[in-house]
Amino acid sequence: MARYTGPVCRLCRREGEKLFLKGDRCHTPKCAIERRGDRGGPGARGLSRRRATEFAVQLREKQKARRLYGVLERQFRRYFKRAGRGAGSRGERLLQELELRADNVVYRMGFALSRAQARQLINHGHIVLNGRKHTIPSATLKVGDNVQVREKSRRIEAIAGALTRADAMGRPEWVHVTPDEFSGVVTALPERDHIDATVNEQLIVEFYSR
């Protein structure tokens, strides 16, 4: 499966804001945005300060959403097409599709410090979905799906640390987690008010509607 393997801090600097791609490091002074400031992008000189065109603004919003959820372009287009099949706002349904990815749900439940870490846990067989070992990070979950950490994996320090952090910072309202049992359930479809992604989804719809 294709995926981005370059420096993720570069992605945050390109978008000019924290995307929280490295977990706890993003909350410390070691964060590249904190250390180097926002010069409009990576590199010694940053990017041009010329006024961005309408197309450029829409493109950047789409790229930010892709990078936030760790999705490549072809996959992202598929999510956008799927979001057009139902009723209501296409932009909100797009974010809903992204939020219900297995790796994002594991991250939102607090079993991982970042989506990248959640993908790794799933790929390595540490996660159980509805009683069966699950190894597909891109799978779309449904309301009622039960997510657990395998019993043999519950002593992993990274998982324990992520749970402690999630207990302190809170979880979205569309999941219910029982930390002592290392398990959680998707209790509802994520609504826009409960999605903290700093993305203007309407700009993404406008980008693909050109």
C-alpha atoms as a PDB file:
ATOM      1  CA  MET A   1       0.000   0.000   0.000  1.00  0.00           C
ATOM      2  CA  ALA A   2       1.408   3.373  -1.022  1.00  0.00           C
ATOM      3  CA  ARG A   3       1.906   5.940   1.714  1.00  0.00           C
ATOM      4  CA  TYR A   4       3.908   9.078   2.448  1.00  0.00           C
ATOM      5  CA  THR A   5       7.237   8.234   4.099  1.00  0.00           C
ATOM      6  CA  GLY A   6       8.911  11.650   4.182  1.00  0.00           C
ATOM      7  CA  PRO A   7       9.324  14.057   7.134  1.00  0.00           C
ATOM      8  CA  VAL A   8       5.860  14.861   8.475  1.00  0.00           C
ATOM      9  CA  CYS A   9       6.904  18.136  10.112  1.00  0.00           C
ATOM     10  CA  ARG A  10       7.516  19.419   6.603  1.00  0.00           C
ATOM     11  CA  LEU A  11       3.832  18.876   5.853  1.00  0.00           C
ATOM     12  CA  CYS A  12       2.756  21.024   8.812  1.00  0.00           C
ATOM     13  CA  ARG A  13       5.100  23.792   7.735  1.00  0.00           C
ATOM     14  CA  ARG A  14       3.797  23.628   4.180  1.00  0.00           C
ATOM     15  CA  GLU A  15       0.243  24.158   5.422  1.00  0.00           C
ATOM     16  CA  GLY A  16       1.367  26.841   7.869  1.00  0.00           C
ATOM     17  CA  GLU A  17      -0.281  25.257  10.906  1.00  0.00           C
ATOM     18  CA  LYS A  18       0.001  22.286  13.252  1.00  0.00           C
ATOM     19  CA  LEU A  19      -1.614  19.129  11.900  1.00  0.00           C
ATOM     20  CA  PHE A  20      -0.564  17.124  14.991  1.00  0.00           C
ATOM     21  CA  LEU A  21       1.003  14.357  12.906  1.00  0.00           C
ATOM     22  CA  LYS A  22       3.621  13.365  15.515  1.00  0.00           C
ATOM     23  CA  GLY A  23       1.485  13.012  18.621  1.00  0.00           C
ATOM     24  CA  ASP A  24       2.865  14.499  21.834  1.00  0.00           C
ATOM     25  CA  ARG A  25       5.871  16.075  20.099  1.00  0.00           C
ATOM     26  CA  CYS A  26       3.463  18.572  18.496  1.00  0.00           C
ATOM     27  CA  HIS A  27       2.574  19.881  21.982  1.00  0.00           C
ATOM     28  CA  THR A  28       6.213  20.603  22.914  1.00  0.00           C
ATOM     29  CA  PRO A  29       8.770  23.264  21.914  1.00  0.00           C
ATOM     30  CA  LYS A  30      10.370  20.603  19.649  1.00  0.00           C
ATOM     31  CA  CYS A  31       7.537  21.112  17.151  1.00  0.00           C
ATOM     32  CA  ALA A  32       8.917  22.502  13.875  1.00  0.00           C
ATOM     33  CA  ILE A  33       6.232  25.203  13.753  1.00  0.00           C
ATOM     34  CA  GLU A  34       7.273  26.358  17.233  1.00  0.00           C
ATOM     35  CA  ARG A  35      11.021  26.223  16.551  1.00  0.00           C
ATOM     36  CA  ARG A  36      11.132  27.734  13.072  1.00  0.00           C
ATOM     37  CA  GLY A  37       7.979  29.781  13.010  1.00  0.00           C
ATOM     38  CA  ASP A  38       5.654  30.080  10.039  1.00  0.00           C
ATOM     39  CA  ARG A  39       7.646  31.314   7.044  1.00  0.00           C
ATOM     40  CA  GLY A  40       4.946  30.206   4.638  1.00  0.00           C
ATOM     41  CA  GLY A  41       6.403  26.762   4.025  1.00  0.00           C
ATOM     42  CA  PRO A  42       9.474  24.522   4.340  1.00  0.00           C
ATOM     43  CA  GLY A  43      12.920  25.568   3.195  1.00  0.00           C
ATOM     44  CA  ALA A  44      15.268  28.371   4.206  1.00  0.00           C
ATOM     45  CA  ARG A  45      13.213  31.092   2.525  1.00  0.00           C
ATOM     46  CA  GLY A  46       9.741  29.641   2.833  1.00  0.00           C
ATOM     47  CA  LEU A  47       7.169  30.328   0.147  1.00  0.00           C
ATOM     48  CA  SER A  48       6.281  33.420  -1.794  1.00  0.00           C
ATOM     49  CA  ARG A  49       4.123  35.919   0.074  1.00  0.00           C
ATOM     50  CA  ARG A  50       2.155  36.798  -3.051  1.00  0.00           C
ATOM     51  CA  ARG A  51      -1.616  36.749  -2.686  1.00  0.00           C
ATOM     52  CA  ALA A  52      -2.937  33.245  -3.324  1.00  0.00           C
ATOM     53  CA  THR A  53      -5.419  32.669  -6.136  1.00  0.00           C
ATOM     54  CA  GLU A  54      -8.843  31.126  -5.505  1.00  0.00           C
ATOM     55  CA  PHE A  55      -7.594  27.852  -6.976  1.00  0.00           C
ATOM     56  CA  ALA A  56      -4.527  27.868  -4.718  1.00  0.00           C
ATOM     57  CA  VAL A  57      -6.660  28.399  -1.591  1.00  0.00           C
ATOM     58  CA  GLN A  58      -8.918  25.485  -2.551  1.00  0.00           C
ATOM     59  CA  LEU A  59      -5.938  23.265  -3.353  1.00  0.00           C
ATOM     60  CA  ARG A  60      -4.247  23.994  -0.029  1.00  0.00           C
ATOM     61  CA  GLU A  61      -7.439  23.122   1.869  1.00  0.00           C
ATOM     62  CA  LYS A  62      -7.699  19.808   0.033  1.00  0.00           C
ATOM     63  CA  GLN A  63      -4.032  19.029   0.673  1.00  0.00           C
ATOM     64  CA  LYS A  64      -4.400  19.904   4.340  1.00  0.00           C
ATOM     65  CA  ALA A  65      -7.307  17.465   4.724  1.00  0.00           C
ATOM     66  CA  ARG A  66      -5.380  14.708   2.927  1.00  0.00           C
ATOM     67  CA  ARG A  67      -2.341  15.161   5.112  1.00  0.00           C
ATOM     68  CA  LEU A  68      -4.348  15.460   8.303  1.00  0.00           C
ATOM     69  CA  TYR A  69      -5.938  12.039   7.746  1.00  0.00           C
ATOM     70  CA  GLY A  70      -2.917  10.458   6.023  1.00  0.00           C
ATOM     71  CA  VAL A  71      -4.710   9.739   2.742  1.00  0.00           C
ATOM     72  CA  LEU A  72      -3.188   9.810  -0.743  1.00  0.00           C
ATOM     73  CA  GLU A  73      -4.854  11.538  -3.690  1.00  0.00           C
ATOM     74  CA  ARG A  74      -6.531   8.557  -5.360  1.00  0.00           C
ATOM     75  CA  GLN A  75      -7.990   7.392  -2.057  1.00  0.00           C
ATOM     76  CA  PHE A  76      -9.159  10.893  -1.224  1.00  0.00           C
ATOM     77  CA  ARG A  77     -10.994  11.168  -4.574  1.00  0.00           C
ATOM     78  CA  ARG A  78     -12.790   7.904  -3.822  1.00  0.00           C
ATOM     79  CA  TYR A  79     -13.973   9.283  -0.490  1.00  0.00           C
ATOM     80  CA  PHE A  80     -15.196  12.426  -2.238  1.00  0.00           C
ATOM     81  CA  LYS A  81     -17.153  10.413  -4.825  1.00  0.00           C
ATOM     82  CA  ARG A  82     -18.674   8.253  -2.094  1.00  0.00           C
ATOM     83  CA  ALA A  83     -19.671  11.392  -0.160  1.00  0.00           C
ATOM     84  CA  GLY A  84     -21.755  12.501  -3.141  1.00  0.00           C
ATOM     85  CA  ARG A  85     -24.141   9.545  -2.985  1.00  0.00           C
ATOM     86  CA  GLY A  86     -26.189  10.571   0.031  1.00  0.00           C
ATOM     87  CA  ALA A  87     -28.325  13.516   1.078  1.00  0.00           C
ATOM     88  CA  GLY A  88     -27.106  16.626   2.851  1.00  0.00           C
ATOM     89  CA  SER A  89     -23.826  18.507   2.671  1.00  0.00           C
ATOM     90  CA  ARG A  90     -21.220  16.699   0.604  1.00  0.00           C
ATOM     91  CA  GLY A  91     -18.392  18.349   2.507  1.00  0.00           C
ATOM     92  CA  GLU A  92     -19.693  17.135   5.861  1.00  0.00           C
ATOM     93  CA  ARG A  93     -20.205  13.630   4.518  1.00  0.00           C
ATOM     94  CA  LEU A  94     -16.624  13.665   3.235  1.00  0.00           C
ATOM     95  CA  LEU A  95     -15.305  14.454   6.714  1.00  0.00           C
ATOM     96  CA  GLN A  96     -17.608  11.788   8.122  1.00  0.00           C
ATOM     97  CA  GLU A  97     -16.114   9.197   5.746  1.00  0.00           C
ATOM     98  CA  LEU A  98     -12.615  10.187   6.832  1.00  0.00           C
ATOM     99  CA  GLU A  99     -13.496  10.161  10.538  1.00  0.00           C
ATOM    100  CA  LEU A 100     -14.887   6.618  10.292  1.00  0.00           C
ATOM    101  CA  ARG A 101     -11.647   5.159   8.937  1.00  0.00           C
ATOM    102  CA  ALA A 102     -10.392   2.465  11.303  1.00  0.00           C
ATOM    103  CA  ASP A 103      -7.078   4.224  11.964  1.00  0.00           C
ATOM    104  CA  ASN A 104      -8.837   7.487  12.803  1.00  0.00           C
ATOM    105  CA  VAL A 105     -11.319   5.737  15.122  1.00  0.00           C
ATOM    106  CA  VAL A 106      -8.455   4.041  17.000  1.00  0.00           C
ATOM    107  CA  TYR A 107      -6.807   7.461  17.334  1.00  0.00           C
ATOM    108  CA  ARG A 108     -10.025   9.192  18.429  1.00  0.00           C
ATOM    109  CA  MET A 109     -10.679   6.516  21.052  1.00  0.00           C
ATOM    110  CA  GLY A 110      -7.274   7.247  22.562  1.00  0.00           C
ATOM    111  CA  PHE A 111      -5.426   4.024  21.809  1.00  0.00           C
ATOM    112  CA  ALA A 112      -2.764   5.923  19.832  1.00  0.00           C
ATOM    113  CA  LEU A 113      -1.121   9.344  20.039  1.00  0.00           C
ATOM    114  CA  SER A 114      -1.437   9.987  16.302  1.00  0.00           C
ATOM    115  CA  ARG A 115      -3.160   8.555  13.247  1.00  0.00           C
ATOM    116  CA  ALA A 116       0.188   7.254  11.996  1.00  0.00           C
ATOM    117  CA  GLN A 117       0.685   5.367  15.252  1.00  0.00           C
ATOM    118  CA  ALA A 118      -2.876   4.027  14.996  1.00  0.00           C
ATOM    119  CA  ARG A 119      -2.136   2.736  11.468  1.00  0.00           C
ATOM    120  CA  GLN A 120       0.944   0.973  12.773  1.00  0.00           C
ATOM    121  CA  LEU A 121      -0.997  -0.673  15.623  1.00  0.00           C
ATOM    122  CA  ILE A 122      -3.597  -1.951  13.160  1.00  0.00           C
ATOM    123  CA  ASN A 123      -1.018  -3.153  10.626  1.00  0.00           C
ATOM    124  CA  HIS A 124       0.843  -5.068  13.333  1.00  0.00           C
ATOM    125  CA  GLY A 125      -2.297  -6.862  14.517  1.00  0.00           C
ATOM    126  CA  HIS A 126      -2.725  -5.155  17.901  1.00  0.00           C
ATOM    127  CA  ILE A 127      -6.359  -4.172  17.255  1.00  0.00           C
ATOM    128  CA  VAL A 128      -9.479  -6.362  17.380  1.00  0.00           C
ATOM    129  CA  LEU A 129     -12.652  -5.305  15.541  1.00  0.00           C
ATOM    130  CA  ASN A 130     -15.914  -6.992  16.563  1.00  0.00           C
ATOM    131  CA  GLY A 131     -14.004  -9.911  18.095  1.00  0.00           C
ATOM    132  CA  ARG A 132     -11.608 -10.508  15.184  1.00  0.00           C
ATOM    133  CA  LYS A 133      -8.063  -9.334  14.592  1.00  0.00           C
ATOM    134  CA  HIS A 134      -8.178  -6.373  12.214  1.00  0.00           C
ATOM    135  CA  THR A 135      -5.277  -5.299   9.962  1.00  0.00           C
ATOM    136  CA  ILE A 136      -6.837  -2.839   7.480  1.00  0.00           C
ATOM    137  CA  PRO A 137      -6.370   0.821   8.571  1.00  0.00           C
ATOM    138  CA  SER A 138      -8.533   2.201   5.747  1.00  0.00           C
ATOM    139  CA  ALA A 139     -11.624   0.102   6.547  1.00  0.00           C
ATOM    140  CA  THR A 140     -14.773   2.140   7.174  1.00  0.00           C
ATOM    141  CA  LEU A 141     -16.403   1.457  10.543  1.00  0.00           C
ATOM    142  CA  LYS A 142     -20.121   1.616  11.307  1.00  0.00           C
ATOM    143  CA  VAL A 143     -22.240   2.562  14.290  1.00  0.00           C
ATOM    144  CA  GLY A 144     -22.123  -0.288  16.786  1.00  0.00           C
ATOM    145  CA  ASP A 145     -18.661  -1.530  15.811  1.00  0.00           C
ATOM    146  CA  ASN A 146     -16.561  -2.577  18.798  1.00  0.00           C
ATOM    147  CA  VAL A 147     -12.831  -1.804  18.833  1.00  0.00           C
ATOM    148  CA  GLN A 148     -10.445  -3.408  21.330  1.00  0.00           C
ATOM    149  CA  VAL A 149      -6.726  -3.688  21.960  1.00  0.00           C
ATOM    150  CA  ARG A 150      -5.618  -7.329  21.903  1.00  0.00           C
ATOM    151  CA  GLU A 151      -5.055  -8.686  25.375  1.00  0.00           C
ATOM    152  CA  LYS A 152      -1.401  -9.483  24.650  1.00  0.00           C
ATOM    153  CA  SER A 153      -0.837  -5.898  23.443  1.00  0.00           C
ATOM    154  CA  ARG A 154      -2.254  -4.053  26.428  1.00  0.00           C
ATOM    155  CA  ARG A 155       1.130  -3.786  28.120  1.00  0.00           C
ATOM    156  CA  ILE A 156       2.593  -1.700  25.289  1.00  0.00           C
ATOM    157  CA  GLU A 157       3.727   1.592  26.838  1.00  0.00           C
ATOM    158  CA  ALA A 158       2.646   3.695  23.856  1.00  0.00           C
ATOM    159  CA  ILE A 159      -0.958   2.500  24.172  1.00  0.00           C
ATOM    160  CA  ALA A 160      -1.055   3.098  27.933  1.00  0.00           C
ATOM    161  CA  GLY A 161       0.403   6.579  27.429  1.00  0.00           C
ATOM    162  CA  ALA A 162      -2.126   7.392  24.721  1.00  0.00           C
ATOM    163  CA  LEU A 163      -5.023   6.301  26.944  1.00  0.00           C
ATOM    164  CA  THR A 164      -3.778   8.477  29.803  1.00  0.00           C
ATOM    165  CA  ARG A 165      -3.539  11.485  27.489  1.00  0.00           C
ATOM    166  CA  ALA A 166      -7.013  10.861  26.030  1.00  0.00           C
ATOM    167  CA  ASP A 167      -8.502  10.560  29.526  1.00  0.00           C
ATOM    168  CA  ALA A 168      -7.104  14.011  30.321  1.00  0.00           C
ATOM    169  CA  MET A 169      -7.968  15.736  27.023  1.00  0.00           C
ATOM    170  CA  GLY A 170     -11.313  14.087  26.292  1.00  0.00           C
ATOM    171  CA  ARG A 171     -12.782  12.135  23.390  1.00  0.00           C
ATOM    172  CA  PRO A 172     -15.391  12.968  20.728  1.00  0.00           C
ATOM    173  CA  GLU A 173     -19.029  12.358  21.611  1.00  0.00           C
ATOM    174  CA  TRP A 174     -19.583   9.762  18.889  1.00  0.00           C
ATOM    175  CA  VAL A 175     -17.400   7.132  20.582  1.00  0.00           C
ATOM    176  CA  HIS A 176     -17.671   5.521  24.013  1.00  0.00           C
ATOM    177  CA  VAL A 177     -14.510   4.076  25.547  1.00  0.00           C
ATOM    178  CA  THR A 178     -13.975   1.850  28.574  1.00  0.00           C
ATOM    179  CA  PRO A 179     -10.270   2.458  29.344  1.00  0.00           C
ATOM    180  CA  ASP A 180      -9.980  -0.336  31.930  1.00  0.00           C
ATOM    181  CA  GLU A 181     -11.075  -2.859  29.307  1.00  0.00           C
ATOM    182  CA  PHE A 182      -9.078  -1.259  26.448  1.00  0.00           C
ATOM    183  CA  SER A 183     -12.245  -1.203  24.367  1.00  0.00           C
ATOM    184  CA  GLY A 184     -14.532   1.300  22.674  1.00  0.00           C
ATOM    185  CA  VAL A 185     -17.692   1.457  20.594  1.00  0.00           C
ATOM    186  CA  VAL A 186     -18.753   3.744  17.753  1.00  0.00           C
ATOM    187  CA  THR A 187     -22.043   5.009  19.212  1.00  0.00           C
ATOM    188  CA  ALA A 188     -23.115   7.467  16.487  1.00  0.00           C
ATOM    189  CA  LEU A 189     -22.143   8.971  13.167  1.00  0.00           C
ATOM    190  CA  PRO A 190     -19.746  11.898  13.699  1.00  0.00           C
ATOM    191  CA  GLU A 191     -21.469  15.248  13.204  1.00  0.00           C
ATOM    192  CA  ARG A 192     -19.593  18.331  12.032  1.00  0.00           C
ATOM    193  CA  ASP A 193     -19.818  19.974  15.467  1.00  0.00           C
ATOM    194  CA  HIS A 194     -17.972  16.970  16.943  1.00  0.00           C
ATOM    195  CA  ILE A 195     -15.167  16.932  14.356  1.00  0.00           C
ATOM    196  CA  ASP A 196     -12.286  19.140  15.443  1.00  0.00           C
ATOM    197  CA  ALA A 197     -10.494  19.101  12.065  1.00  0.00           C
ATOM    198  CA  THR A 198      -9.564  22.680  11.125  1.00  0.00           C
ATOM    199  CA  VAL A 199     -10.686  22.177   7.545  1.00  0.00           C
ATOM    200  CA  ASN A 200     -13.063  24.237   5.410  1.00  0.00           C
ATOM    201  CA  GLU A 201     -14.761  21.347   3.631  1.00  0.00           C
ATOM    202  CA  GLN A 202     -16.697  23.651   1.285  1.00  0.00           C
ATOM    203  CA  LEU A 203     -13.423  24.724  -0.343  1.00  0.00           C
ATOM    204  CA  ILE A 204     -12.665  21.050  -1.054  1.00  0.00           C
ATOM    205  CA  VAL A 205     -16.069  20.611  -2.694  1.00  0.00           C
ATOM    206  CA  GLU A 206     -15.409  23.706  -4.816  1.00  0.00           C
ATOM    207  CA  PHE A 207     -11.962  22.373  -5.791  1.00  0.00           C
ATOM    208  CA  TYR A 208     -13.336  19.083  -7.158  1.00  0.00           C
ATOM    209  CA  SER A 209     -16.326  20.839  -8.750  1.00  0.00           C
ATOM    210  CA  ARG A 210     -14.200  23.014 -11.031  1.00  0.00           C
END
